[in-house]
C-alpha atoms as a PDB file:
ATOM      1  CA  UNK A   1     -29.046  74.642-154.360  1.00  0.00           C
ATOM      2  CA  UNK A   2     -27.351  77.917-155.287  1.00  0.00           C
ATOM      3  CA  UNK A   3     -26.619  79.039-151.730  1.00  0.00           C
ATOM      4  CA  UNK A   4     -25.351  75.664-150.544  1.00  0.00           C
ATOM      5  CA  UNK A   5     -22.949  75.406-153.485  1.00  0.00           C
ATOM      6  CA  UNK A   6     -20.938  78.316-152.039  1.00  0.00           C
ATOM      7  CA  UNK A   7     -19.854  76.268-149.032  1.00  0.00           C
ATOM      8  CA  UNK A   8     -19.880  72.617-150.146  1.00  0.00           C
ATOM      9  CA  UNK A   9     -18.187  70.777-152.984  1.00  0.00           C
ATOM     10  CA  UNK A  10     -20.031  69.885-156.173  1.00  0.00           C
ATOM     11  CA  UNK A  11     -20.512  66.191-155.345  1.00  0.00           C
ATOM     12  CA  UNK A  12     -22.150  66.850-151.979  1.00  0.00           C
ATOM     13  CA  UNK A  13     -24.455  69.458-153.517  1.00  0.00           C
ATOM     14  CA  UNK A  14     -25.645  67.054-156.195  1.00  0.00           C
ATOM     15  CA  UNK A  15     -26.165  64.093-153.899  1.00  0.00           C
ATOM     16  CA  UNK A  16     -27.681  65.898-150.904  1.00  0.00           C
ATOM     17  CA  UNK A  17     -30.032  68.342-152.545  1.00  0.00           C
ATOM     18  CA  UNK A  18     -31.267  66.293-155.460  1.00  0.00           C
ATOM     19  CA  UNK A  19     -30.294  62.610-155.377  1.00  0.00           C
ATOM     20  CA  UNK A  20     -32.086  61.859-158.660  1.00  0.00           C
ATOM     21  CA  UNK A  21     -29.522  64.035-160.474  1.00  0.00           C
ATOM     22  CA  UNK A  22     -26.865  61.294-160.412  1.00  0.00           C
ATOM     23  CA  UNK A  23     -28.987  58.710-162.293  1.00  0.00           C
ATOM     24  CA  UNK A  24     -30.064  61.353-164.805  1.00  0.00           C
ATOM     25  CA  UNK A  25     -26.457  62.404-165.462  1.00  0.00           C
ATOM     26  CA  UNK A  26     -25.296  58.793-165.766  1.00  0.00           C
ATOM     27  CA  UNK A  27     -28.129  57.987-168.172  1.00  0.00           C
ATOM     28  CA  UNK A  28     -27.308  61.012-170.327  1.00  0.00           C
ATOM     29  CA  UNK A  29     -23.604  60.113-170.440  1.00  0.00           C
ATOM     30  CA  UNK A  30     -24.324  56.465-171.287  1.00  0.00           C
ATOM     31  CA  UNK A  31     -26.752  57.475-174.049  1.00  0.00           C
ATOM     32  CA  UNK A  32     -24.209  59.888-175.520  1.00  0.00           C
ATOM     33  CA  UNK A  33     -21.511  57.214-175.495  1.00  0.00           C
ATOM     34  CA  UNK A  34     -23.883  54.719-177.134  1.00  0.00           C
ATOM     35  CA  UNK A  35     -24.854  57.213-179.843  1.00  0.00           C
ATOM     36  CA  UNK A  36     -21.196  57.927-180.546  1.00  0.00           C
ATOM     37  CA  UNK A  37     -20.281  54.221-180.654  1.00  0.00           C
ATOM     38  CA  UNK A  38     -23.148  52.541-182.529  1.00  0.00           C
ATOM     39  CA  UNK A  39     -23.502  53.296-186.246  1.00  0.00           C
ATOM     40  CA  UNK A  40     -27.271  52.730-186.430  1.00  0.00           C
ATOM     41  CA  UNK A  41     -27.825  55.215-183.591  1.00  0.00           C
ATOM     42  CA  UNK A  42     -25.563  57.710-185.344  1.00  0.00           C
ATOM     43  CA  UNK A  43     -27.781  57.427-188.417  1.00  0.00           C
ATOM     44  CA  UNK A  44     -30.977  57.724-186.343  1.00  0.00           C
ATOM     45  CA  UNK A  45     -29.840  60.941-184.651  1.00  0.00           C
ATOM     46  CA  UNK A  46     -28.052  62.293-187.765  1.00  0.00           C
ATOM     47  CA  UNK A  47     -24.592  62.237-186.194  1.00  0.00           C
ATOM     48  CA  UNK A  48     -21.699  62.409-188.575  1.00  0.00           C
ATOM     49  CA  UNK A  49     -18.964  59.825-188.249  1.00  0.00           C
ATOM     50  CA  UNK A  50     -17.017  60.930-185.222  1.00  0.00           C
ATOM     51  CA  UNK A  51     -15.005  59.502-182.395  1.00  0.00           C
ATOM     52  CA  UNK A  52     -14.196  60.326-178.801  1.00  0.00           C
ATOM     53  CA  UNK A  53     -11.300  62.607-179.742  1.00  0.00           C
ATOM     54  CA  UNK A  54     -13.737  65.316-180.811  1.00  0.00           C
ATOM     55  CA  UNK A  55     -15.152  65.471-177.284  1.00  0.00           C
ATOM     56  CA  UNK A  56     -11.865  65.522-175.399  1.00  0.00           C
ATOM     57  CA  UNK A  57     -11.327  69.326-175.511  1.00  0.00           C
ATOM     58  CA  UNK A  58     -14.824  69.903-174.127  1.00  0.00           C
ATOM     59  CA  UNK A  59     -14.464  67.273-171.422  1.00  0.00           C
ATOM     60  CA  UNK A  60     -11.011  68.481-170.380  1.00  0.00           C
ATOM     61  CA  UNK A  61     -12.187  72.100-170.386  1.00  0.00           C
ATOM     62  CA  UNK A  62     -15.183  71.292-168.198  1.00  0.00           C
ATOM     63  CA  UNK A  63     -13.034  69.320-165.751  1.00  0.00           C
ATOM     64  CA  UNK A  64     -10.465  72.120-165.677  1.00  0.00           C
ATOM     65  CA  UNK A  65     -13.058  74.799-164.946  1.00  0.00           C
ATOM     66  CA  UNK A  66     -14.643  72.616-162.248  1.00  0.00           C
ATOM     67  CA  UNK A  67     -11.250  72.118-160.584  1.00  0.00           C
ATOM     68  CA  UNK A  68     -10.517  75.866-160.718  1.00  0.00           C
ATOM     69  CA  UNK A  69     -13.901  76.834-159.258  1.00  0.00           C
ATOM     70  CA  UNK A  70     -13.738  74.194-156.527  1.00  0.00           C
ATOM     71  CA  UNK A  71     -10.209  75.348-155.604  1.00  0.00           C
ATOM     72  CA  UNK A  72     -11.340  78.975-155.374  1.00  0.00           C
ATOM     73  CA  UNK A  73     -14.299  77.922-153.218  1.00  0.00           C
ATOM     74  CA  UNK A  74     -12.040  75.834-150.977  1.00  0.00           C
ATOM     75  CA  UNK A  75      -9.611  78.685-150.292  1.00  0.00           C
ATOM     76  CA  UNK A  76     -12.431  81.204-149.854  1.00  0.00           C
ATOM     77  CA  UNK A  77     -14.187  78.992-147.277  1.00  0.00           C
ATOM     78  CA  UNK A  78     -10.873  78.277-145.571  1.00  0.00           C
ATOM     79  CA  UNK A  79     -10.149  81.980-145.155  1.00  0.00           C
ATOM     80  CA  UNK A  80     -13.654  82.553-143.755  1.00  0.00           C
ATOM     81  CA  UNK A  81     -13.134  79.746-141.219  1.00  0.00           C
ATOM     82  CA  UNK A  82      -9.767  81.216-140.206  1.00  0.00           C
ATOM     83  CA  UNK A  83     -11.394  84.601-139.584  1.00  0.00           C
ATOM     84  CA  UNK A  84     -14.091  82.966-137.439  1.00  0.00           C
ATOM     85  CA  UNK A  85     -11.503  81.131-135.352  1.00  0.00           C
ATOM     86  CA  UNK A  86      -9.816  84.441-134.461  1.00  0.00           C
ATOM     87  CA  UNK A  87     -13.067  85.968-133.209  1.00  0.00           C
END
């Protein structure tokens, strides 16, 4: 999975190499949202009273880093393809 991620985008790597990753990620996200939303689950897992605003910096940071890395990969692969076309 490490070598293929240098040439393909993150979605194709996740779906092609390990298709069970998508259901696992969706389940984890749904469980986190349920724990944040439902008071009895917050008490069960010892979460303090919180809301979605506390997670926004982390989510936005992760999306930002993913966009930056995918952009770098795109331009790097594009320059490699341009060099191959000249040969």
